[in-house]
Amino acid sequence: MDCLLKAVDASQLSSEFGGTFSYDHAVWLERRLSLEAFLWVGSELLDRMEDWREDVGRCDFPEDVILVQRAIDRHIEIKDKISRTTFEEVDAMGQELLKR
């Protein structure tokens, strides 16, 4: 252990290696799982938003009134999906992670 303490500062080693770094694997694991859940939810949300952005950005120029109405309806549908999306859930998860 003395050799290890010569190479690494005691504040960077847990007590089992003669250091002073406080480490609890159960706490680390819980935080890691929470982080992965947050990343999963955030990634899913970003994927949906990217799909909506692509839908809105399509430049299909309608040739008649019926196609114009369909395009308007599609944009309204996308707007409704965005307004129903729970950004607050993802934000709350992120804020909780930051508190820990």
PDB file of N, CA and C in Angstrom:
ATOM      1  N   MET A   1       0.807  -1.190   0.000  1.00  0.00           N
ATOM      2  CA  MET A   1       0.000   0.000   0.000  1.00  0.00           C
ATOM      3  C   MET A   1       0.855   1.262   0.000  1.00  0.00           C
ATOM      4  N   ASP A   2       1.974   1.227   0.655  1.00  0.00           N
ATOM      5  CA  ASP A   2       2.827   2.406   0.714  1.00  0.00           C
ATOM      6  C   ASP A   2       3.281   2.829  -0.676  1.00  0.00           C
ATOM      7  N   CYS A   3       3.544   1.842  -1.530  1.00  0.00           N
ATOM      8  CA  CYS A   3       3.967   2.158  -2.897  1.00  0.00           C
ATOM      9  C   CYS A   3       2.847   2.857  -3.653  1.00  0.00           C
ATOM     10  N   LEU A   4       1.628   2.385  -3.427  1.00  0.00           N
ATOM     11  CA  LEU A   4       0.475   2.995  -4.089  1.00  0.00           C
ATOM     12  C   LEU A   4       0.295   4.437  -3.634  1.00  0.00           C
ATOM     13  N   LEU A   5       0.462   4.679  -2.343  1.00  0.00           N
ATOM     14  CA  LEU A   5       0.307   6.025  -1.812  1.00  0.00           C
ATOM     15  C   LEU A   5       1.408   6.968  -2.288  1.00  0.00           C
ATOM     16  N   LYS A   6       2.538   6.416  -2.706  1.00  0.00           N
ATOM     17  CA  LYS A   6       3.598   7.254  -3.265  1.00  0.00           C
ATOM     18  C   LYS A   6       3.244   7.707  -4.672  1.00  0.00           C
ATOM     19  N   ALA A   7       2.477   6.885  -5.394  1.00  0.00           N
ATOM     20  CA  ALA A   7       2.134   7.194  -6.777  1.00  0.00           C
ATOM     21  C   ALA A   7       0.809   7.956  -6.909  1.00  0.00           C
ATOM     22  N   VAL A   8      -0.111   7.710  -5.961  1.00  0.00           N
ATOM     23  CA  VAL A   8      -1.440   8.305  -6.038  1.00  0.00           C
ATOM     24  C   VAL A   8      -1.739   9.016  -4.728  1.00  0.00           C
ATOM     25  N   ASP A   9      -2.307  10.206  -4.827  1.00  0.00           N
ATOM     26  CA  ASP A   9      -2.662  10.966  -3.638  1.00  0.00           C
ATOM     27  C   ASP A   9      -3.729  10.220  -2.829  1.00  0.00           C
ATOM     28  N   ALA A  10      -3.611  10.253  -1.506  1.00  0.00           N
ATOM     29  CA  ALA A  10      -4.535   9.545  -0.618  1.00  0.00           C
ATOM     30  C   ALA A  10      -5.976  10.003  -0.808  1.00  0.00           C
ATOM     31  N   SER A  11      -6.189  11.244  -1.216  1.00  0.00           N
ATOM     32  CA  SER A  11      -7.553  11.752  -1.414  1.00  0.00           C
ATOM     33  C   SER A  11      -8.226  11.125  -2.630  1.00  0.00           C
ATOM     34  N   GLN A  12      -7.454  10.433  -3.459  1.00  0.00           N
ATOM     35  CA  GLN A  12      -8.009   9.790  -4.647  1.00  0.00           C
ATOM     36  C   GLN A  12      -8.201   8.287  -4.462  1.00  0.00           C
ATOM     37  N   LEU A  13      -7.856   7.772  -3.289  1.00  0.00           N
ATOM     38  CA  LEU A  13      -7.998   6.351  -3.003  1.00  0.00           C
ATOM     39  C   LEU A  13      -9.032   6.125  -1.923  1.00  0.00           C
ATOM     40  N   SER A  14      -9.795   5.045  -2.059  1.00  0.00           N
ATOM     41  CA  SER A  14     -10.778   4.718  -1.021  1.00  0.00           C
ATOM     42  C   SER A  14     -10.053   4.149   0.196  1.00  0.00           C
ATOM     43  N   SER A  15     -10.787   4.034   1.285  1.00  0.00           N
ATOM     44  CA  SER A  15     -10.172   3.602   2.545  1.00  0.00           C
ATOM     45  C   SER A  15      -9.583   2.196   2.450  1.00  0.00           C
ATOM     46  N   GLU A  16     -10.143   1.360   1.633  1.00  0.00           N
ATOM     47  CA  GLU A  16      -9.607   0.009   1.511  1.00  0.00           C
ATOM     48  C   GLU A  16      -8.215  -0.029   0.875  1.00  0.00           C
ATOM     49  N   PHE A  17      -7.818   1.076   0.255  1.00  0.00           N
ATOM     50  CA  PHE A  17      -6.472   1.185  -0.315  1.00  0.00           C
ATOM     51  C   PHE A  17      -5.609   2.172   0.469  1.00  0.00           C
ATOM     52  N   GLY A  18      -6.060   2.523   1.664  1.00  0.00           N
ATOM     53  CA  GLY A  18      -5.283   3.409   2.512  1.00  0.00           C
ATOM     54  C   GLY A  18      -5.510   4.885   2.254  1.00  0.00           C
ATOM     55  N   GLY A  19      -6.566   5.199   1.529  1.00  0.00           N
ATOM     56  CA  GLY A  19      -6.838   6.598   1.203  1.00  0.00           C
ATOM     57  C   GLY A  19      -7.976   7.174   2.006  1.00  0.00           C
ATOM     58  N   THR A  20      -8.371   8.381   1.634  1.00  0.00           N
ATOM     59  CA  THR A  20      -9.427   9.098   2.351  1.00  0.00           C
ATOM     60  C   THR A  20     -10.655   9.367   1.486  1.00  0.00           C
ATOM     61  N   PHE A  21     -10.644   8.885   0.252  1.00  0.00           N
ATOM     62  CA  PHE A  21     -11.762   9.124  -0.665  1.00  0.00           C
ATOM     63  C   PHE A  21     -12.977   8.311  -0.213  1.00  0.00           C
ATOM     64  N   SER A  22     -14.096   9.007  -0.022  1.00  0.00           N
ATOM     65  CA  SER A  22     -15.328   8.347   0.399  1.00  0.00           C
ATOM     66  C   SER A  22     -16.008   7.741  -0.828  1.00  0.00           C
ATOM     67  N   TYR A  23     -16.197   6.427  -0.810  1.00  0.00           N
ATOM     68  CA  TYR A  23     -16.789   5.737  -1.957  1.00  0.00           C
ATOM     69  C   TYR A  23     -17.764   4.686  -1.459  1.00  0.00           C
ATOM     70  N   ASP A  24     -18.959   4.704  -2.014  1.00  0.00           N
ATOM     71  CA  ASP A  24     -19.978   3.707  -1.708  1.00  0.00           C
ATOM     72  C   ASP A  24     -20.495   3.184  -3.041  1.00  0.00           C
ATOM     73  N   HIS A  25     -20.203   1.927  -3.325  1.00  0.00           N
ATOM     74  CA  HIS A  25     -20.549   1.376  -4.631  1.00  0.00           C
ATOM     75  C   HIS A  25     -22.062   1.363  -4.858  1.00  0.00           C
ATOM     76  N   ALA A  26     -22.850   1.097  -3.824  1.00  0.00           N
ATOM     77  CA  ALA A  26     -24.306   1.086  -3.974  1.00  0.00           C
ATOM     78  C   ALA A  26     -24.816   2.468  -4.396  1.00  0.00           C
ATOM     79  N   VAL A  27     -24.265   3.518  -3.808  1.00  0.00           N
ATOM     80  CA  VAL A  27     -24.655   4.888  -4.169  1.00  0.00           C
ATOM     81  C   VAL A  27     -24.215   5.186  -5.609  1.00  0.00           C
ATOM     82  N   TRP A  28     -22.997   4.793  -5.952  1.00  0.00           N
ATOM     83  CA  TRP A  28     -22.497   5.020  -7.310  1.00  0.00           C
ATOM     84  C   TRP A  28     -23.386   4.313  -8.323  1.00  0.00           C
ATOM     85  N   LEU A  29     -23.745   3.063  -8.032  1.00  0.00           N
ATOM     86  CA  LEU A  29     -24.574   2.281  -8.943  1.00  0.00           C
ATOM     87  C   LEU A  29     -25.952   2.918  -9.116  1.00  0.00           C
ATOM     88  N   GLU A  30     -26.549   3.369  -8.018  1.00  0.00           N
ATOM     89  CA  GLU A  30     -27.859   4.019  -8.088  1.00  0.00           C
ATOM     90  C   GLU A  30     -27.788   5.288  -8.941  1.00  0.00           C
ATOM     91  N   ARG A  31     -26.746   6.069  -8.747  1.00  0.00           N
ATOM     92  CA  ARG A  31     -26.586   7.293  -9.540  1.00  0.00           C
ATOM     93  C   ARG A  31     -26.342   6.981 -11.006  1.00  0.00           C
ATOM     94  N   ARG A  32     -25.571   5.955 -11.257  1.00  0.00           N
ATOM     95  CA  ARG A  32     -25.279   5.571 -12.647  1.00  0.00           C
ATOM     96  C   ARG A  32     -26.545   5.120 -13.359  1.00  0.00           C
ATOM     97  N   LEU A  33     -27.368   4.315 -12.687  1.00  0.00           N
ATOM     98  CA  LEU A  33     -28.622   3.858 -13.282  1.00  0.00           C
ATOM     99  C   LEU A  33     -29.581   5.021 -13.527  1.00  0.00           C
ATOM    100  N   SER A  34     -29.605   5.978 -12.604  1.00  0.00           N
ATOM    101  CA  SER A  34     -30.433   7.175 -12.789  1.00  0.00           C
ATOM    102  C   SER A  34     -29.948   7.986 -13.986  1.00  0.00           C
ATOM    103  N   LEU A  35     -28.638   8.111 -14.118  1.00  0.00           N
ATOM    104  CA  LEU A  35     -28.068   8.841 -15.252  1.00  0.00           C
ATOM    105  C   LEU A  35     -28.417   8.158 -16.563  1.00  0.00           C
ATOM    106  N   GLU A  36     -28.297   6.841 -16.603  1.00  0.00           N
ATOM    107  CA  GLU A  36     -28.614   6.115 -17.835  1.00  0.00           C
ATOM    108  C   GLU A  36     -30.089   6.247 -18.191  1.00  0.00           C
ATOM    109  N   ALA A  37     -30.974   6.222 -17.199  1.00  0.00           N
ATOM    110  CA  ALA A  37     -32.398   6.413 -17.458  1.00  0.00           C
ATOM    111  C   ALA A  37     -32.659   7.803 -18.034  1.00  0.00           C
ATOM    112  N   PHE A  38     -31.998   8.815 -17.451  1.00  0.00           N
ATOM    113  CA  PHE A  38     -32.135  10.180 -17.949  1.00  0.00           C
ATOM    114  C   PHE A  38     -31.642  10.293 -19.398  1.00  0.00           C
ATOM    115  N   LEU A  39     -30.498   9.699 -19.677  1.00  0.00           N
ATOM    116  CA  LEU A  39     -29.953   9.741 -21.033  1.00  0.00           C
ATOM    117  C   LEU A  39     -30.871   9.029 -22.022  1.00  0.00           C
ATOM    118  N   TRP A  40     -31.475   7.942 -21.608  1.00  0.00           N
ATOM    119  CA  TRP A  40     -32.392   7.194 -22.474  1.00  0.00           C
ATOM    120  C   TRP A  40     -33.619   8.049 -22.809  1.00  0.00           C
ATOM    121  N   VAL A  41     -34.242   8.624 -21.788  1.00  0.00           N
ATOM    122  CA  VAL A  41     -35.439   9.444 -21.992  1.00  0.00           C
ATOM    123  C   VAL A  41     -35.096  10.673 -22.842  1.00  0.00           C
ATOM    124  N   GLY A  42     -33.978  11.307 -22.534  1.00  0.00           N
ATOM    125  CA  GLY A  42     -33.559  12.480 -23.308  1.00  0.00           C
ATOM    126  C   GLY A  42     -33.276  12.150 -24.757  1.00  0.00           C
ATOM    127  N   SER A  43     -32.649  11.022 -24.993  1.00  0.00           N
ATOM    128  CA  SER A  43     -32.339  10.594 -26.357  1.00  0.00           C
ATOM    129  C   SER A  43     -33.613  10.312 -27.150  1.00  0.00           C
ATOM    130  N   GLU A  44     -34.561   9.652 -26.506  1.00  0.00           N
ATOM    131  CA  GLU A  44     -35.842   9.381 -27.160  1.00  0.00           C
ATOM    132  C   GLU A  44     -36.553  10.682 -27.537  1.00  0.00           C
ATOM    133  N   LEU A  45     -36.524  11.639 -26.623  1.00  0.00           N
ATOM    134  CA  LEU A  45     -37.162  12.925 -26.878  1.00  0.00           C
ATOM    135  C   LEU A  45     -36.473  13.645 -28.043  1.00  0.00           C
ATOM    136  N   LEU A  46     -35.160  13.633 -28.054  1.00  0.00           N
ATOM    137  CA  LEU A  46     -34.428  14.271 -29.154  1.00  0.00           C
ATOM    138  C   LEU A  46     -34.725  13.598 -30.488  1.00  0.00           C
ATOM    139  N   ASP A  47     -34.850  12.277 -30.492  1.00  0.00           N
ATOM    140  CA  ASP A  47     -35.181  11.564 -31.729  1.00  0.00           C
ATOM    141  C   ASP A  47     -36.555  11.981 -32.255  1.00  0.00           C
ATOM    142  N   ARG A  48     -37.539  12.067 -31.336  1.00  0.00           N
ATOM    143  CA  ARG A  48     -38.874  12.492 -31.764  1.00  0.00           C
ATOM    144  C   ARG A  48     -38.854  13.916 -32.304  1.00  0.00           C
ATOM    145  N   MET A  49     -38.129  14.798 -31.628  1.00  0.00           N
ATOM    146  CA  MET A  49     -38.062  16.187 -32.079  1.00  0.00           C
ATOM    147  C   MET A  49     -37.387  16.291 -33.447  1.00  0.00           C
ATOM    148  N   GLU A  50     -36.366  15.487 -33.665  1.00  0.00           N
ATOM    149  CA  GLU A  50     -35.689  15.483 -34.964  1.00  0.00           C
ATOM    150  C   GLU A  50     -36.645  15.004 -36.057  1.00  0.00           C
ATOM    151  N   ASP A  51     -37.434  13.984 -35.762  1.00  0.00           N
ATOM    152  CA  ASP A  51     -38.425  13.508 -36.737  1.00  0.00           C
ATOM    153  C   ASP A  51     -39.427  14.605 -37.065  1.00  0.00           C
ATOM    154  N   TRP A  52     -39.898  15.321 -36.030  1.00  0.00           N
ATOM    155  CA  TRP A  52     -40.851  16.406 -36.267  1.00  0.00           C
ATOM    156  C   TRP A  52     -40.224  17.525 -37.069  1.00  0.00           C
ATOM    157  N   ARG A  53     -38.958  17.840 -36.772  1.00  0.00           N
ATOM    158  CA  ARG A  53     -38.276  18.896 -37.522  1.00  0.00           C
ATOM    159  C   ARG A  53     -38.184  18.525 -38.997  1.00  0.00           C
ATOM    160  N   GLU A  54     -37.872  17.280 -39.272  1.00  0.00           N
ATOM    161  CA  GLU A  54     -37.792  16.832 -40.665  1.00  0.00           C
ATOM    162  C   GLU A  54     -39.149  16.901 -41.339  1.00  0.00           C
ATOM    163  N   ASP A  55     -40.205  16.504 -40.612  1.00  0.00           N
ATOM    164  CA  ASP A  55     -41.550  16.578 -41.187  1.00  0.00           C
ATOM    165  C   ASP A  55     -41.932  18.010 -41.536  1.00  0.00           C
ATOM    166  N   VAL A  56     -41.664  18.925 -40.618  1.00  0.00           N
ATOM    167  CA  VAL A  56     -42.016  20.331 -40.855  1.00  0.00           C
ATOM    168  C   VAL A  56     -41.155  20.920 -41.966  1.00  0.00           C
ATOM    169  N   GLY A  57     -39.920  20.499 -42.062  1.00  0.00           N
ATOM    170  CA  GLY A  57     -38.998  21.073 -43.028  1.00  0.00           C
ATOM    171  C   GLY A  57     -39.133  20.554 -44.451  1.00  0.00           C
ATOM    172  N   ARG A  58     -39.975  19.566 -44.647  1.00  0.00           N
ATOM    173  CA  ARG A  58     -40.153  19.048 -46.008  1.00  0.00           C
ATOM    174  C   ARG A  58     -40.713  20.143 -46.907  1.00  0.00           C
ATOM    175  N   CYS A  59     -40.173  20.243 -48.066  1.00  0.00           N
ATOM    176  CA  CYS A  59     -40.591  21.295 -48.996  1.00  0.00           C
ATOM    177  C   CYS A  59     -41.409  20.713 -50.142  1.00  0.00           C
ATOM    178  N   ASP A  60     -42.421  19.942 -49.779  1.00  0.00           N
ATOM    179  CA  ASP A  60     -43.330  19.437 -50.810  1.00  0.00           C
ATOM    180  C   ASP A  60     -44.320  20.558 -51.116  1.00  0.00           C
ATOM    181  N   PHE A  61     -44.215  21.101 -52.300  1.00  0.00           N
ATOM    182  CA  PHE A  61     -45.104  22.202 -52.672  1.00  0.00           C
ATOM    183  C   PHE A  61     -46.398  21.631 -53.231  1.00  0.00           C
ATOM    184  N   PRO A  62     -47.482  21.813 -52.501  1.00  0.00           N
ATOM    185  CA  PRO A  62     -48.766  21.264 -52.944  1.00  0.00           C
ATOM    186  C   PRO A  62     -49.219  21.920 -54.242  1.00  0.00           C
ATOM    187  N   GLU A  63     -49.871  21.107 -55.042  1.00  0.00           N
ATOM    188  CA  GLU A  63     -50.298  21.607 -56.353  1.00  0.00           C
ATOM    189  C   GLU A  63     -51.764  22.010 -56.396  1.00  0.00           C
ATOM    190  N   ASP A  64     -52.507  21.641 -55.376  1.00  0.00           N
ATOM    191  CA  ASP A  64     -53.915  22.035 -55.351  1.00  0.00           C
ATOM    192  C   ASP A  64     -54.359  22.294 -53.911  1.00  0.00           C
ATOM    193  N   VAL A  65     -55.585  22.725 -53.772  1.00  0.00           N
ATOM    194  CA  VAL A  65     -56.119  23.116 -52.472  1.00  0.00           C
ATOM    195  C   VAL A  65     -56.186  21.926 -51.514  1.00  0.00           C
ATOM    196  N   ILE A  66     -56.510  20.775 -52.002  1.00  0.00           N
ATOM    197  CA  ILE A  66     -56.615  19.586 -51.154  1.00  0.00           C
ATOM    198  C   ILE A  66     -55.254  19.246 -50.548  1.00  0.00           C
ATOM    199  N   LEU A  67     -54.208  19.310 -51.340  1.00  0.00           N
ATOM    200  CA  LEU A  67     -52.863  19.016 -50.837  1.00  0.00           C
ATOM    201  C   LEU A  67     -52.380  20.096 -49.870  1.00  0.00           C
ATOM    202  N   VAL A  68     -52.784  21.341 -50.105  1.00  0.00           N
ATOM    203  CA  VAL A  68     -52.447  22.415 -49.169  1.00  0.00           C
ATOM    204  C   VAL A  68     -53.111  22.146 -47.821  1.00  0.00           C
ATOM    205  N   GLN A  69     -54.381  21.754 -47.840  1.00  0.00           N
ATOM    206  CA  GLN A  69     -55.094  21.460 -46.602  1.00  0.00           C
ATOM    207  C   GLN A  69     -54.452  20.281 -45.869  1.00  0.00           C
ATOM    208  N   ARG A  70     -54.020  19.263 -46.610  1.00  0.00           N
ATOM    209  CA  ARG A  70     -53.340  18.124 -45.974  1.00  0.00           C
ATOM    210  C   ARG A  70     -52.037  18.568 -45.307  1.00  0.00           C
ATOM    211  N   ALA A  71     -51.290  19.440 -45.965  1.00  0.00           N
ATOM    212  CA  ALA A  71     -50.029  19.939 -45.390  1.00  0.00           C
ATOM    213  C   ALA A  71     -50.305  20.748 -44.125  1.00  0.00           C
ATOM    214  N   ILE A  72     -51.331  21.575 -44.164  1.00  0.00           N
ATOM    215  CA  ILE A  72     -51.703  22.357 -42.976  1.00  0.00           C
ATOM    216  C   ILE A  72     -52.121  21.428 -41.844  1.00  0.00           C
ATOM    217  N   ASP A  73     -52.924  20.434 -42.165  1.00  0.00           N
ATOM    218  CA  ASP A  73     -53.360  19.467 -41.147  1.00  0.00           C
ATOM    219  C   ASP A  73     -52.166  18.728 -40.543  1.00  0.00           C
ATOM    220  N   ARG A  74     -51.216  18.372 -41.367  1.00  0.00           N
ATOM    221  CA  ARG A  74     -50.019  17.676 -40.881  1.00  0.00           C
ATOM    222  C   ARG A  74     -49.223  18.573 -39.929  1.00  0.00           C
ATOM    223  N   HIS A  75     -49.076  19.834 -40.275  1.00  0.00           N
ATOM    224  CA  HIS A  75     -48.359  20.771 -39.410  1.00  0.00           C
ATOM    225  C   HIS A  75     -49.096  20.978 -38.080  1.00  0.00           C
ATOM    226  N   ILE A  76     -50.412  21.038 -38.127  1.00  0.00           N
ATOM    227  CA  ILE A  76     -51.200  21.165 -36.901  1.00  0.00           C
ATOM    228  C   ILE A  76     -51.022  19.922 -36.037  1.00  0.00           C
ATOM    229  N   GLU A  77     -51.010  18.752 -36.676  1.00  0.00           N
ATOM    230  CA  GLU A  77     -50.798  17.494 -35.940  1.00  0.00           C
ATOM    231  C   GLU A  77     -49.433  17.481 -35.246  1.00  0.00           C
ATOM    232  N   ILE A  78     -48.407  17.921 -35.946  1.00  0.00           N
ATOM    233  CA  ILE A  78     -47.060  17.977 -35.368  1.00  0.00           C
ATOM    234  C   ILE A  78     -47.032  18.986 -34.215  1.00  0.00           C
ATOM    235  N   LYS A  79     -47.660  20.135 -34.410  1.00  0.00           N
ATOM    236  CA  LYS A  79     -47.714  21.147 -33.347  1.00  0.00           C
ATOM    237  C   LYS A  79     -48.399  20.586 -32.100  1.00  0.00           C
ATOM    238  N   ASP A  80     -49.469  19.845 -32.300  1.00  0.00           N
ATOM    239  CA  ASP A  80     -50.170  19.236 -31.161  1.00  0.00           C
ATOM    240  C   ASP A  80     -49.286  18.215 -30.448  1.00  0.00           C
ATOM    241  N   LYS A  81     -48.549  17.421 -31.193  1.00  0.00           N
ATOM    242  CA  LYS A  81     -47.644  16.440 -30.580  1.00  0.00           C
ATOM    243  C   LYS A  81     -46.573  17.142 -29.748  1.00  0.00           C
ATOM    244  N   ILE A  82     -46.038  18.223 -30.291  1.00  0.00           N
ATOM    245  CA  ILE A  82     -44.996  18.969 -29.566  1.00  0.00           C
ATOM    246  C   ILE A  82     -45.576  19.570 -28.288  1.00  0.00           C
ATOM    247  N   SER A  83     -46.774  20.120 -28.374  1.00  0.00           N
ATOM    248  CA  SER A  83     -47.369  20.759 -27.198  1.00  0.00           C
ATOM    249  C   SER A  83     -47.738  19.743 -26.117  1.00  0.00           C
ATOM    250  N   ARG A  84     -47.963  18.481 -26.499  1.00  0.00           N
ATOM    251  CA  ARG A  84     -48.288  17.442 -25.510  1.00  0.00           C
ATOM    252  C   ARG A  84     -47.040  16.760 -24.942  1.00  0.00           C
ATOM    253  N   THR A  85     -45.894  17.057 -25.507  1.00  0.00           N
ATOM    254  CA  THR A  85     -44.659  16.423 -25.055  1.00  0.00           C
ATOM    255  C   THR A  85     -44.289  16.948 -23.678  1.00  0.00           C
ATOM    256  N   THR A  86     -43.866  16.038 -22.818  1.00  0.00           N
ATOM    257  CA  THR A  86     -43.554  16.400 -21.430  1.00  0.00           C
ATOM    258  C   THR A  86     -42.064  16.696 -21.276  1.00  0.00           C
ATOM    259  N   PHE A  87     -41.691  17.901 -21.641  1.00  0.00           N
ATOM    260  CA  PHE A  87     -40.315  18.335 -21.455  1.00  0.00           C
ATOM    261  C   PHE A  87     -39.995  18.465 -19.971  1.00  0.00           C
ATOM    262  N   GLU A  88     -41.037  18.756 -19.202  1.00  0.00           N
ATOM    263  CA  GLU A  88     -40.846  18.938 -17.760  1.00  0.00           C
ATOM    264  C   GLU A  88     -40.317  17.668 -17.104  1.00  0.00           C
ATOM    265  N   GLU A  89     -40.766  16.502 -17.582  1.00  0.00           N
ATOM    266  CA  GLU A  89     -40.312  15.231 -17.015  1.00  0.00           C
ATOM    267  C   GLU A  89     -38.804  15.072 -17.184  1.00  0.00           C
ATOM    268  N   VAL A  90     -38.322  15.360 -18.375  1.00  0.00           N
ATOM    269  CA  VAL A  90     -36.884  15.243 -18.647  1.00  0.00           C
ATOM    270  C   VAL A  90     -36.118  16.277 -17.837  1.00  0.00           C
ATOM    271  N   ASP A  91     -36.635  17.487 -17.774  1.00  0.00           N
ATOM    272  CA  ASP A  91     -35.985  18.533 -16.993  1.00  0.00           C
ATOM    273  C   ASP A  91     -35.925  18.150 -15.517  1.00  0.00           C
ATOM    274  N   ALA A  92     -37.027  17.619 -14.989  1.00  0.00           N
ATOM    275  CA  ALA A  92     -37.059  17.213 -13.579  1.00  0.00           C
ATOM    276  C   ALA A  92     -36.037  16.110 -13.305  1.00  0.00           C
ATOM    277  N   MET A  93     -35.917  15.169 -14.235  1.00  0.00           N
ATOM    278  CA  MET A  93     -34.923  14.097 -14.063  1.00  0.00           C
ATOM    279  C   MET A  93     -33.516  14.682 -14.022  1.00  0.00           C
ATOM    280  N   GLY A  94     -33.233  15.609 -14.919  1.00  0.00           N
ATOM    281  CA  GLY A  94     -31.915  16.242 -14.962  1.00  0.00           C
ATOM    282  C   GLY A  94     -31.629  17.056 -13.713  1.00  0.00           C
ATOM    283  N   GLN A  95     -32.619  17.788 -13.238  1.00  0.00           N
ATOM    284  CA  GLN A  95     -32.430  18.582 -12.033  1.00  0.00           C
ATOM    285  C   GLN A  95     -32.168  17.694 -10.817  1.00  0.00           C
ATOM    286  N   GLU A  96     -32.871  16.567 -10.750  1.00  0.00           N
ATOM    287  CA  GLU A  96     -32.663  15.628  -9.642  1.00  0.00           C
ATOM    288  C   GLU A  96     -31.244  15.043  -9.679  1.00  0.00           C
ATOM    289  N   LEU A  97     -30.764  14.745 -10.872  1.00  0.00           N
ATOM    290  CA  LEU A  97     -29.391  14.243 -10.995  1.00  0.00           C
ATOM    291  C   LEU A  97     -28.382  15.290 -10.537  1.00  0.00           C
ATOM    292  N   LEU A  98     -28.612  16.534 -10.893  1.00  0.00           N
ATOM    293  CA  LEU A  98     -27.702  17.605 -10.493  1.00  0.00           C
ATOM    294  C   LEU A  98     -27.676  17.799  -8.974  1.00  0.00           C
ATOM    295  N   LYS A  99     -28.821  17.614  -8.339  1.00  0.00           N
ATOM    296  CA  LYS A  99     -28.873  17.746  -6.876  1.00  0.00           C
ATOM    297  C   LYS A  99     -28.024  16.705  -6.174  1.00  0.00           C
ATOM    298  N   ARG A 100     -27.969  15.505  -6.765  1.00  0.00           N
ATOM    299  CA  ARG A 100     -27.209  14.419  -6.140  1.00  0.00           C
ATOM    300  C   ARG A 100     -25.742  14.657  -6.296  1.00  0.00           C
TER     301      ARG A 100
END
